[in-house]
Amino acid sequence: MIAIEVENRSGEVVDEAGAQSLARDVLIAEGVDGGDLGISFATPSEMRALKLRHLGIEEATDVLSFPIDARDELPDGVPRQLGDVVLCPQVVGEAWRGPLVHGLLHLLGYDHGDEMERRERELLPES
């Protein structure tokens, strides 16, 4: 079972149920059948602070990923902690689906490049 917790700290109205549904669809399509995932919606200032702390770049951004177990082998009985995806509604606006898919693929070990771009196109719902 995939457990998805959504937290909205952005001050904006967001489609939490839609984000959960899309995340679950992406994870299942990637062969992930269980684990815990966090999705947070944050303010531009929080995103700026996170990006500075973790990447050394001071700027607001659309999405950040913080993988934990990803696709690592785990001992029997240890629950999978996929990690967290943090989105900034003020940066992504209505186009949050693409950044969410992008962030999820990073959690699962994809790096920027042709393979990741191809998977994003395959996984994004038609607009």
N, C-alpha and C. Protein backbone atom coordinates (compact mmCIF):
# COMPACT_ATOMS: atom_id res chain seq x y z
N MET A 1 0.84 -1.18 0.00
CA MET A 1 0.00 0.00 0.00
C MET A 1 0.89 1.25 0.00
N ILE A 2 0.50 2.22 -0.78
CA ILE A 2 1.20 3.50 -0.84
C ILE A 2 0.43 4.50 0.03
N ALA A 3 1.10 5.03 1.04
CA ALA A 3 0.49 6.04 1.91
C ALA A 3 1.07 7.39 1.52
N ILE A 4 0.19 8.34 1.21
CA ILE A 4 0.63 9.66 0.78
C ILE A 4 0.05 10.70 1.73
N GLU A 5 0.95 11.44 2.37
CA GLU A 5 0.54 12.53 3.26
C GLU A 5 0.79 13.85 2.55
N VAL A 6 -0.22 14.71 2.51
CA VAL A 6 -0.10 16.02 1.87
C VAL A 6 -0.20 17.10 2.94
N GLU A 7 0.71 18.06 2.87
CA GLU A 7 0.68 19.20 3.79
C GLU A 7 0.76 20.48 2.96
N ASN A 8 -0.15 21.40 3.23
CA ASN A 8 -0.17 22.67 2.50
C ASN A 8 0.22 23.81 3.44
N ARG A 9 1.45 24.30 3.27
CA ARG A 9 1.93 25.44 4.06
C ARG A 9 2.06 26.69 3.18
N SER A 10 1.53 26.62 1.98
CA SER A 10 1.75 27.67 0.99
C SER A 10 0.86 28.89 1.15
N GLY A 11 -0.27 28.72 1.81
CA GLY A 11 -1.24 29.82 1.88
C GLY A 11 -2.12 29.89 0.65
N GLU A 12 -1.91 29.00 -0.30
CA GLU A 12 -2.70 28.95 -1.54
C GLU A 12 -3.65 27.76 -1.49
N VAL A 13 -4.73 27.84 -2.23
CA VAL A 13 -5.63 26.70 -2.38
C VAL A 13 -4.98 25.76 -3.40
N VAL A 14 -4.83 24.49 -3.01
CA VAL A 14 -4.22 23.51 -3.90
C VAL A 14 -5.11 22.28 -4.01
N ASP A 15 -4.94 21.54 -5.08
CA ASP A 15 -5.71 20.32 -5.32
C ASP A 15 -4.99 19.15 -4.65
N GLU A 16 -5.18 19.02 -3.34
CA GLU A 16 -4.49 17.97 -2.59
C GLU A 16 -4.89 16.58 -3.07
N ALA A 17 -6.18 16.37 -3.30
CA ALA A 17 -6.65 15.05 -3.75
C ALA A 17 -6.08 14.74 -5.14
N GLY A 18 -6.02 15.73 -6.01
CA GLY A 18 -5.45 15.52 -7.34
C GLY A 18 -3.98 15.19 -7.28
N ALA A 19 -3.25 15.85 -6.37
CA ALA A 19 -1.82 15.57 -6.20
C ALA A 19 -1.62 14.15 -5.69
N GLN A 20 -2.43 13.73 -4.74
CA GLN A 20 -2.34 12.36 -4.23
C GLN A 20 -2.62 11.34 -5.33
N SER A 21 -3.65 11.59 -6.09
CA SER A 21 -4.04 10.66 -7.16
C SER A 21 -2.95 10.55 -8.22
N LEU A 22 -2.42 11.69 -8.66
CA LEU A 22 -1.36 11.67 -9.67
C LEU A 22 -0.12 10.98 -9.13
N ALA A 23 0.25 11.28 -7.89
CA ALA A 23 1.43 10.64 -7.29
C ALA A 23 1.26 9.13 -7.23
N ARG A 24 0.10 8.68 -6.80
CA ARG A 24 -0.16 7.24 -6.71
C ARG A 24 -0.07 6.60 -8.11
N ASP A 25 -0.64 7.25 -9.12
CA ASP A 25 -0.59 6.73 -10.49
C ASP A 25 0.85 6.62 -10.99
N VAL A 26 1.66 7.65 -10.72
CA VAL A 26 3.06 7.65 -11.17
C VAL A 26 3.83 6.53 -10.48
N LEU A 27 3.66 6.42 -9.16
CA LEU A 27 4.40 5.39 -8.42
C LEU A 27 4.03 3.99 -8.88
N ILE A 28 2.75 3.76 -9.09
CA ILE A 28 2.31 2.44 -9.57
C ILE A 28 2.87 2.17 -10.96
N ALA A 29 2.85 3.17 -11.84
CA ALA A 29 3.39 3.01 -13.19
C ALA A 29 4.89 2.72 -13.15
N GLU A 30 5.57 3.18 -12.11
CA GLU A 30 7.00 2.95 -11.94
C GLU A 30 7.29 1.66 -11.17
N GLY A 31 6.24 0.89 -10.87
CA GLY A 31 6.43 -0.39 -10.20
C GLY A 31 6.56 -0.32 -8.70
N VAL A 32 6.21 0.83 -8.12
CA VAL A 32 6.27 0.97 -6.66
C VAL A 32 4.90 0.59 -6.12
N ASP A 33 4.85 -0.45 -5.29
CA ASP A 33 3.56 -0.91 -4.79
C ASP A 33 3.36 -0.67 -3.30
N GLY A 34 4.32 0.00 -2.67
CA GLY A 34 4.16 0.29 -1.25
C GLY A 34 5.17 1.31 -0.78
N GLY A 35 4.85 1.94 0.32
CA GLY A 35 5.76 2.91 0.91
C GLY A 35 5.04 4.17 1.32
N ASP A 36 5.78 5.03 2.00
CA ASP A 36 5.24 6.30 2.48
C ASP A 36 5.85 7.44 1.68
N LEU A 37 5.01 8.38 1.27
CA LEU A 37 5.43 9.54 0.49
C LEU A 37 4.84 10.78 1.13
N GLY A 38 5.64 11.83 1.19
CA GLY A 38 5.15 13.12 1.64
C GLY A 38 5.14 14.11 0.48
N ILE A 39 4.05 14.85 0.35
CA ILE A 39 3.96 15.94 -0.62
C ILE A 39 3.64 17.20 0.16
N SER A 40 4.48 18.21 0.01
CA SER A 40 4.25 19.48 0.71
C SER A 40 4.14 20.60 -0.31
N PHE A 41 3.26 21.54 -0.01
CA PHE A 41 3.16 22.77 -0.79
C PHE A 41 3.69 23.88 0.11
N ALA A 42 4.70 24.61 -0.38
CA ALA A 42 5.42 25.58 0.44
C ALA A 42 5.41 26.96 -0.19
N THR A 43 5.78 27.96 0.60
CA THR A 43 5.87 29.33 0.13
C THR A 43 7.18 29.54 -0.64
N PRO A 44 7.26 30.59 -1.45
CA PRO A 44 8.52 30.88 -2.14
C PRO A 44 9.70 31.06 -1.18
N SER A 45 9.47 31.70 -0.04
CA SER A 45 10.58 31.90 0.90
C SER A 45 11.05 30.58 1.50
N GLU A 46 10.12 29.66 1.77
CA GLU A 46 10.53 28.35 2.27
C GLU A 46 11.30 27.58 1.20
N MET A 47 10.84 27.66 -0.04
CA MET A 47 11.55 26.97 -1.13
C MET A 47 12.95 27.54 -1.30
N ARG A 48 13.07 28.85 -1.21
CA ARG A 48 14.38 29.50 -1.33
C ARG A 48 15.31 28.99 -0.22
N ALA A 49 14.80 28.93 1.01
CA ALA A 49 15.62 28.46 2.13
C ALA A 49 16.00 26.99 1.97
N LEU A 50 15.07 26.16 1.51
CA LEU A 50 15.38 24.74 1.29
C LEU A 50 16.43 24.55 0.20
N LYS A 51 16.29 25.29 -0.89
CA LYS A 51 17.24 25.15 -1.99
C LYS A 51 18.62 25.65 -1.58
N LEU A 52 18.68 26.71 -0.80
CA LEU A 52 19.96 27.21 -0.32
C LEU A 52 20.60 26.19 0.62
N ARG A 53 19.83 25.66 1.56
CA ARG A 53 20.35 24.71 2.54
C ARG A 53 20.83 23.41 1.89
N HIS A 54 20.07 22.90 0.91
CA HIS A 54 20.38 21.57 0.36
C HIS A 54 21.18 21.60 -0.93
N LEU A 55 21.08 22.69 -1.70
CA LEU A 55 21.78 22.74 -2.99
C LEU A 55 22.75 23.90 -3.09
N GLY A 56 22.75 24.79 -2.09
CA GLY A 56 23.66 25.92 -2.12
C GLY A 56 23.30 27.01 -3.11
N ILE A 57 22.05 27.02 -3.56
CA ILE A 57 21.57 28.01 -4.53
C ILE A 57 20.44 28.78 -3.89
N GLU A 58 20.54 30.11 -3.89
CA GLU A 58 19.51 30.92 -3.26
C GLU A 58 18.54 31.45 -4.31
N GLU A 59 17.47 30.70 -4.51
CA GLU A 59 16.39 31.12 -5.40
C GLU A 59 15.17 30.26 -5.11
N ALA A 60 14.00 30.83 -5.33
CA ALA A 60 12.78 30.05 -5.23
C ALA A 60 12.74 29.12 -6.45
N THR A 61 12.13 27.97 -6.28
CA THR A 61 12.08 27.01 -7.37
C THR A 61 10.72 26.34 -7.37
N ASP A 62 10.41 25.60 -8.42
CA ASP A 62 9.10 24.97 -8.54
C ASP A 62 8.96 23.72 -7.69
N VAL A 63 9.99 22.86 -7.66
CA VAL A 63 9.89 21.58 -6.97
C VAL A 63 11.26 21.16 -6.46
N LEU A 64 11.26 20.53 -5.29
CA LEU A 64 12.46 19.91 -4.73
C LEU A 64 12.10 18.51 -4.28
N SER A 65 13.03 17.59 -4.42
CA SER A 65 12.83 16.20 -4.01
C SER A 65 13.84 15.83 -2.94
N PHE A 66 13.36 15.09 -1.95
CA PHE A 66 14.21 14.63 -0.87
C PHE A 66 14.01 13.12 -0.72
N PRO A 67 14.75 12.33 -1.52
CA PRO A 67 14.59 10.87 -1.48
C PRO A 67 15.13 10.27 -0.19
N ILE A 68 14.52 9.19 0.23
CA ILE A 68 15.02 8.43 1.38
C ILE A 68 15.41 7.05 0.90
N ASP A 69 14.45 6.13 0.73
CA ASP A 69 14.76 4.76 0.31
C ASP A 69 14.73 4.56 -1.19
N ALA A 70 13.95 5.38 -1.89
CA ALA A 70 13.79 5.24 -3.34
C ALA A 70 13.54 3.77 -3.70
N ARG A 71 14.43 3.20 -4.50
CA ARG A 71 14.27 1.81 -4.93
C ARG A 71 15.28 0.90 -4.25
N ASP A 72 15.89 1.38 -3.15
CA ASP A 72 16.89 0.60 -2.43
C ASP A 72 16.29 -0.71 -1.92
N GLU A 73 17.14 -1.74 -1.86
CA GLU A 73 16.74 -3.00 -1.23
C GLU A 73 16.62 -2.74 0.27
N LEU A 74 15.54 -3.23 0.86
CA LEU A 74 15.33 -3.06 2.29
C LEU A 74 15.22 -4.42 2.97
N PRO A 75 15.65 -4.51 4.21
CA PRO A 75 15.47 -5.77 4.93
C PRO A 75 13.99 -6.09 5.08
N ASP A 76 13.66 -7.36 5.18
CA ASP A 76 12.28 -7.77 5.37
C ASP A 76 11.68 -7.07 6.59
N GLY A 77 10.47 -6.60 6.44
CA GLY A 77 9.77 -5.98 7.54
C GLY A 77 10.03 -4.50 7.73
N VAL A 78 10.99 -3.95 7.00
CA VAL A 78 11.28 -2.53 7.11
C VAL A 78 10.40 -1.77 6.12
N PRO A 79 9.56 -0.84 6.60
CA PRO A 79 8.69 -0.11 5.68
C PRO A 79 9.48 0.85 4.81
N ARG A 80 9.06 0.96 3.56
CA ARG A 80 9.73 1.84 2.61
C ARG A 80 9.32 3.29 2.86
N GLN A 81 10.31 4.15 2.97
CA GLN A 81 10.10 5.59 3.09
C GLN A 81 10.60 6.20 1.78
N LEU A 82 9.68 6.53 0.88
CA LEU A 82 10.07 7.04 -0.42
C LEU A 82 10.76 8.39 -0.31
N GLY A 83 10.27 9.26 0.54
CA GLY A 83 10.83 10.60 0.70
C GLY A 83 9.75 11.64 0.56
N ASP A 84 10.18 12.85 0.24
CA ASP A 84 9.26 13.99 0.16
C ASP A 84 9.48 14.78 -1.12
N VAL A 85 8.37 15.28 -1.66
CA VAL A 85 8.40 16.22 -2.78
C VAL A 85 7.78 17.50 -2.26
N VAL A 86 8.48 18.63 -2.48
CA VAL A 86 7.99 19.93 -2.03
C VAL A 86 7.76 20.79 -3.27
N LEU A 87 6.55 21.30 -3.41
CA LEU A 87 6.15 22.14 -4.54
C LEU A 87 5.82 23.54 -4.06
N CYS A 88 6.04 24.52 -4.93
CA CYS A 88 5.70 25.91 -4.60
C CYS A 88 4.60 26.38 -5.55
N PRO A 89 3.35 26.45 -5.07
CA PRO A 89 2.25 26.87 -5.94
C PRO A 89 2.44 28.26 -6.55
N GLN A 90 3.10 29.16 -5.83
CA GLN A 90 3.31 30.50 -6.34
C GLN A 90 4.27 30.50 -7.53
N VAL A 91 5.11 29.49 -7.65
CA VAL A 91 6.03 29.38 -8.78
C VAL A 91 5.39 28.55 -9.90
N VAL A 92 4.76 27.43 -9.56
CA VAL A 92 4.22 26.54 -10.61
C VAL A 92 2.84 26.96 -11.09
N GLY A 93 2.09 27.68 -10.28
CA GLY A 93 0.75 28.09 -10.68
C GLY A 93 -0.14 26.89 -10.93
N GLU A 94 -0.93 26.97 -11.97
CA GLU A 94 -1.85 25.89 -12.31
C GLU A 94 -1.14 24.67 -12.89
N ALA A 95 0.09 24.85 -13.31
CA ALA A 95 0.84 23.77 -13.98
C ALA A 95 1.65 22.96 -12.98
N TRP A 96 1.01 22.46 -11.91
CA TRP A 96 1.71 21.74 -10.86
C TRP A 96 1.96 20.28 -11.20
N ARG A 97 1.23 19.73 -12.14
CA ARG A 97 1.34 18.30 -12.44
C ARG A 97 2.72 17.92 -12.98
N GLY A 98 3.24 18.71 -13.91
CA GLY A 98 4.56 18.43 -14.46
C GLY A 98 5.65 18.45 -13.41
N PRO A 99 5.73 19.51 -12.59
CA PRO A 99 6.73 19.51 -11.53
C PRO A 99 6.56 18.36 -10.52
N LEU A 100 5.31 17.97 -10.23
CA LEU A 100 5.11 16.85 -9.31
C LEU A 100 5.68 15.57 -9.90
N VAL A 101 5.36 15.29 -11.16
CA VAL A 101 5.90 14.09 -11.81
C VAL A 101 7.43 14.15 -11.82
N HIS A 102 7.98 15.30 -12.15
CA HIS A 102 9.43 15.49 -12.18
C HIS A 102 10.04 15.18 -10.81
N GLY A 103 9.44 15.72 -9.76
CA GLY A 103 9.93 15.47 -8.41
C GLY A 103 9.84 14.02 -8.00
N LEU A 104 8.75 13.36 -8.37
CA LEU A 104 8.59 11.94 -8.05
C LEU A 104 9.65 11.09 -8.76
N LEU A 105 9.92 11.41 -10.02
CA LEU A 105 10.94 10.65 -10.74
C LEU A 105 12.32 10.83 -10.10
N HIS A 106 12.60 12.03 -9.60
CA HIS A 106 13.86 12.23 -8.87
C HIS A 106 13.90 11.34 -7.62
N LEU A 107 12.77 11.24 -6.91
CA LEU A 107 12.73 10.37 -5.72
C LEU A 107 13.08 8.94 -6.08
N LEU A 108 12.70 8.53 -7.28
CA LEU A 108 12.91 7.15 -7.70
C LEU A 108 14.25 6.93 -8.39
N GLY A 109 15.10 7.95 -8.37
CA GLY A 109 16.46 7.77 -8.86
C GLY A 109 16.76 8.28 -10.25
N TYR A 110 15.79 8.88 -10.91
CA TYR A 110 16.05 9.43 -12.23
C TYR A 110 16.88 10.71 -12.12
N ASP A 111 17.78 10.90 -13.05
CA ASP A 111 18.55 12.13 -13.18
C ASP A 111 18.06 12.86 -14.43
N HIS A 112 18.32 14.16 -14.50
CA HIS A 112 17.94 14.93 -15.68
C HIS A 112 18.56 14.29 -16.93
N GLY A 113 17.77 14.24 -17.98
CA GLY A 113 18.26 13.68 -19.22
C GLY A 113 17.13 13.14 -20.06
N ASP A 114 17.50 12.52 -21.17
CA ASP A 114 16.50 12.03 -22.13
C ASP A 114 15.54 11.01 -21.52
N GLU A 115 16.06 10.08 -20.72
CA GLU A 115 15.19 9.05 -20.15
C GLU A 115 14.15 9.66 -19.22
N MET A 116 14.58 10.61 -18.40
CA MET A 116 13.64 11.25 -17.48
C MET A 116 12.60 12.06 -18.26
N GLU A 117 13.03 12.79 -19.26
CA GLU A 117 12.09 13.58 -20.07
C GLU A 117 11.08 12.68 -20.77
N ARG A 118 11.52 11.55 -21.28
CA ARG A 118 10.62 10.60 -21.94
C ARG A 118 9.58 10.09 -20.95
N ARG A 119 10.04 9.71 -19.74
CA ARG A 119 9.12 9.19 -18.73
C ARG A 119 8.11 10.26 -18.31
N GLU A 120 8.57 11.50 -18.18
CA GLU A 120 7.64 12.58 -17.82
C GLU A 120 6.53 12.71 -18.86
N ARG A 121 6.91 12.67 -20.12
CA ARG A 121 5.90 12.79 -21.18
C ARG A 121 4.91 11.61 -21.11
N GLU A 122 5.42 10.42 -20.84
CA GLU A 122 4.56 9.24 -20.77
C GLU A 122 3.62 9.28 -19.57
N LEU A 123 4.07 9.86 -18.48
CA LEU A 123 3.30 9.82 -17.24
C LEU A 123 2.37 11.00 -17.03
N LEU A 124 2.61 12.10 -17.73
CA LEU A 124 1.76 13.27 -17.52
C LEU A 124 0.39 13.06 -18.14
N PRO A 125 -0.65 13.35 -17.37
CA PRO A 125 -1.99 13.26 -17.95
C PRO A 125 -2.18 14.32 -19.01
N GLU A 126 -3.00 14.02 -19.97
CA GLU A 126 -3.30 15.00 -21.02
C GLU A 126 -4.01 16.20 -20.41
N SER A 127 -3.62 17.37 -20.83
CA SER A 127 -4.25 18.60 -20.29
C SER A 127 -5.45 18.98 -21.12
